[in-house]
Each structure stands twice: as C-alpha cells, then as structure tokens.
C-alpha atoms as a PDB file:
ATOM      1  CA  MET A   1     -28.935 -61.274   7.701  1.00  0.00           C
ATOM      2  CA  LYS A   2     -32.146 -62.142   9.481  1.00  0.00           C
ATOM      3  CA  ASP A   3     -33.803 -59.338  11.458  1.00  0.00           C
ATOM      4  CA  PHE A   4     -33.590 -59.514  15.231  1.00  0.00           C
ATOM      5  CA  TYR A   5     -35.700 -57.340  17.528  1.00  0.00           C
ATOM      6  CA  LEU A   6     -34.438 -55.969  20.829  1.00  0.00           C
ATOM      7  CA  VAL A   7     -36.449 -54.634  23.743  1.00  0.00           C
ATOM      8  CA  ALA A   8     -34.406 -51.990  25.548  1.00  0.00           C
ATOM      9  CA  ILE A   9     -35.035 -49.721  28.534  1.00  0.00           C
ATOM     10  CA  TYR A  10     -34.312 -46.001  28.143  1.00  0.00           C
ATOM     11  CA  LEU A  11     -34.276 -43.160  30.629  1.00  0.00           C
ATOM     12  CA  GLU A  12     -36.386 -40.634  28.732  1.00  0.00           C
ATOM     13  CA  ASP A  13     -36.623 -36.930  29.456  1.00  0.00           C
ATOM     14  CA  MET A  14     -37.595 -33.647  27.797  1.00  0.00           C
ATOM     15  CA  ARG A  15     -35.173 -30.863  26.862  1.00  0.00           C
ATOM     16  CA  TYR A  16     -35.878 -27.236  26.027  1.00  0.00           C
ATOM     17  CA  GLY A  17     -35.561 -26.699  22.274  1.00  0.00           C
ATOM     18  CA  GLY A  18     -35.876 -22.941  22.031  1.00  0.00           C
ATOM     19  CA  PRO A  19     -38.160 -19.905  22.365  1.00  0.00           C
ATOM     20  CA  GLU A  20     -39.961 -20.235  19.007  1.00  0.00           C
ATOM     21  CA  GLU A  21     -43.789 -20.301  19.179  1.00  0.00           C
ATOM     22  CA  GLY A  22     -43.721 -19.694  22.931  1.00  0.00           C
ATOM     23  CA  GLY A  23     -41.141 -22.389  23.625  1.00  0.00           C
ATOM     24  CA  TRP A  24     -40.806 -25.972  22.478  1.00  0.00           C
ATOM     25  CA  TYR A  25     -39.366 -29.170  23.903  1.00  0.00           C
ATOM     26  CA  TYR A  26     -38.091 -32.433  22.480  1.00  0.00           C
ATOM     27  CA  ASN A  27     -37.693 -35.938  23.897  1.00  0.00           C
ATOM     28  CA  THR A  28     -34.326 -37.477  24.677  1.00  0.00           C
ATOM     29  CA  GLY A  29     -33.379 -40.967  25.734  1.00  0.00           C
ATOM     30  CA  GLN A  30     -30.334 -42.700  27.193  1.00  0.00           C
ATOM     31  CA  LEU A  31     -29.973 -46.472  26.928  1.00  0.00           C
ATOM     32  CA  VAL A  32     -30.073 -48.148  30.340  1.00  0.00           C
ATOM     33  CA  ARG A  33     -29.959 -51.765  29.180  1.00  0.00           C
ATOM     34  CA  VAL A  34     -31.131 -54.216  26.560  1.00  0.00           C
ATOM     35  CA  VAL A  35     -33.665 -56.480  28.240  1.00  0.00           C
ATOM     36  CA  LYS A  36     -34.399 -59.226  25.726  1.00  0.00           C
ATOM     37  CA  GLY A  37     -34.098 -60.214  22.074  1.00  0.00           C
ATOM     38  CA  PHE A  38     -36.750 -61.750  19.789  1.00  0.00           C
ATOM     39  CA  ASN A  39     -36.899 -63.263  16.302  1.00  0.00           C
ATOM     40  CA  SER A  40     -40.428 -61.929  15.776  1.00  0.00           C
ATOM     41  CA  GLU A  41     -41.367 -58.247  15.698  1.00  0.00           C
ATOM     42  CA  GLN A  42     -44.892 -58.983  16.974  1.00  0.00           C
ATOM     43  CA  THR A  43     -43.536 -60.918  19.962  1.00  0.00           C
ATOM     44  CA  ALA A  44     -41.088 -58.116  20.773  1.00  0.00           C
ATOM     45  CA  ILE A  45     -43.859 -55.505  20.591  1.00  0.00           C
ATOM     46  CA  ALA A  46     -46.160 -57.567  22.827  1.00  0.00           C
ATOM     47  CA  TYR A  47     -43.372 -58.007  25.404  1.00  0.00           C
ATOM     48  CA  CYS A  48     -42.537 -54.285  25.254  1.00  0.00           C
ATOM     49  CA  CYS A  49     -46.204 -53.331  25.801  1.00  0.00           C
ATOM     50  CA  ARG A  50     -46.441 -55.579  28.876  1.00  0.00           C
ATOM     51  CA  LEU A  51     -43.214 -54.137  30.257  1.00  0.00           C
ATOM     52  CA  ASN A  52     -44.366 -50.542  29.687  1.00  0.00           C
ATOM     53  CA  HIS A  53     -47.682 -51.328  31.378  1.00  0.00           C
ATOM     54  CA  LYS A  54     -45.731 -52.400  34.485  1.00  0.00           C
ATOM     55  CA  LEU A  55     -43.496 -49.319  34.293  1.00  0.00           C
ATOM     56  CA  LYS A  56     -46.531 -47.034  33.905  1.00  0.00           C
ATOM     57  CA  SER A  57     -48.142 -48.260  37.125  1.00  0.00           C
ATOM     58  CA  ARG A  58     -45.490 -46.456  39.245  1.00  0.00           C
ATOM     59  CA  ARG A  59     -46.334 -48.744  42.162  1.00  0.00           C
ATOM     60  CA  PHE A  60     -43.001 -50.538  41.929  1.00  0.00           C
ATOM     61  CA  GLY A  61     -39.892 -50.637  39.832  1.00  0.00           C
ATOM     62  CA  PRO A  62     -37.661 -47.890  38.513  1.00  0.00           C
ATOM     63  CA  ASN A  63     -40.423 -45.279  37.960  1.00  0.00           C
ATOM     64  CA  ARG A  64     -41.602 -45.460  41.556  1.00  0.00           C
ATOM     65  CA  ASN A  65     -41.562 -41.971  43.115  1.00  0.00           C
ATOM     66  CA  ARG A  66     -40.493 -40.378  39.801  1.00  0.00           C
ATOM     67  CA  ARG A  67     -42.426 -37.402  38.502  1.00  0.00           C
ATOM     68  CA  GLU A  68     -43.902 -37.432  35.000  1.00  0.00           C
ATOM     69  CA  MET A  69     -41.775 -35.912  32.243  1.00  0.00           C
ATOM     70  CA  SER A  70     -44.180 -32.980  31.923  1.00  0.00           C
ATOM     71  CA  SER A  71     -43.284 -31.843  35.454  1.00  0.00           C
ATOM     72  CA  VAL A  72     -40.564 -29.220  35.938  1.00  0.00           C
ATOM     73  CA  LEU A  73     -39.291 -31.425  38.783  1.00  0.00           C
ATOM     74  CA  SER A  74     -38.959 -34.494  36.538  1.00  0.00           C
ATOM     75  CA  GLU A  75     -35.643 -36.325  36.349  1.00  0.00           C
ATOM     76  CA  GLY A  76     -36.920 -38.520  33.532  1.00  0.00           C
ATOM     77  CA  GLU A  77     -38.862 -41.776  33.319  1.00  0.00           C
ATOM     78  CA  TYR A  78     -37.907 -45.303  32.322  1.00  0.00           C
ATOM     79  CA  TRP A  79     -39.651 -46.722  29.244  1.00  0.00           C
ATOM     80  CA  ALA A  80     -39.127 -49.736  27.005  1.00  0.00           C
ATOM     81  CA  GLN A  81     -38.754 -49.567  23.225  1.00  0.00           C
ATOM     82  CA  VAL A  82     -38.347 -52.068  20.390  1.00  0.00           C
ATOM     83  CA  HIS A  83     -35.406 -51.695  17.996  1.00  0.00           C
ATOM     84  CA  GLU A  84     -34.385 -53.712  14.978  1.00  0.00           C
ATOM     85  CA  ASN A  85     -30.926 -55.373  15.160  1.00  0.00           C
ATOM     86  CA  GLU A  86     -29.326 -52.739  17.422  1.00  0.00           C
ATOM     87  CA  ALA A  87     -30.443 -50.433  20.236  1.00  0.00           C
ATOM     88  CA  PRO A  88     -28.981 -46.903  19.949  1.00  0.00           C
ATOM     89  CA  LYS A  89     -27.028 -45.596  22.952  1.00  0.00           C
ATOM     90  CA  GLY A  90     -29.166 -42.472  23.012  1.00  0.00           C
ATOM     91  CA  TYR A  91     -31.354 -40.185  20.963  1.00  0.00           C
ATOM     92  CA  PRO A  92     -31.537 -37.839  19.248  1.00  0.00           C
ATOM     93  CA  ASP A  93     -28.048 -37.756  17.738  1.00  0.00           C
ATOM     94  CA  GLN A  94     -28.218 -33.966  17.563  1.00  0.00           C
ATOM     95  CA  LYS A  95     -30.587 -31.312  18.839  1.00  0.00           C
ATOM     96  CA  PRO A  96     -33.611 -30.953  16.502  1.00  0.00           C
ATOM     97  CA  ARG A  97     -34.145 -27.696  14.652  1.00  0.00           C
ATOM     98  CA  TYR A  98     -37.355 -25.703  14.753  1.00  0.00           C
ATOM     99  CA  TYR A  99     -38.817 -24.950  11.301  1.00  0.00           C
END
C-alpha cells in the first residue's frame, strides 16, 4: 500500500499530570477534522506549516480570541498536524506516567 499523508486539525490542550517535581503537564489533542490528503510527505508538511502560520496569527479563524495553552484560562488551541495513512481521533491513548 502506498503511503498517503493527511493534514488534520486538532483542538490541543494541556492536562495536569501529577504533583511530581513540582507538578507536570502533558499535551492532549482531539481531532476536529481532516483537511486535506497528499501523496507526498514534503507537500503535506509544507501545507501544514502554512496552515499553522495562519492559525498562529490569531487575527482570524478558530484561534481568534482564544488564550494560549499556557494560560490557566485556556480552553485549548487549534493546530494542524501531518499523519501517515490515518489521523488518530485523539491523543494520547492513555495518561502518560511520570518516571
């Protein structure tokens, strides 16, 4: 099967992991939608970078008026990612462990 690369939008946020080392957090993401598919990984990455640049500007689009993930008032931010063959519904599958 030939590889296919998907650009997908996720609502990303941070969750509290535990009290170790003064407290730690981990990133989570929920799939919002798959935007576009590509036959070339380089083309998918270039498209994803352009899309994230637009999302980062916060002047328009879904991140407008959203606080950054580092803020205690954050409700998450929308970001694009590239995935090979299939975009996961969310991540991580289970809460990470602190070692």
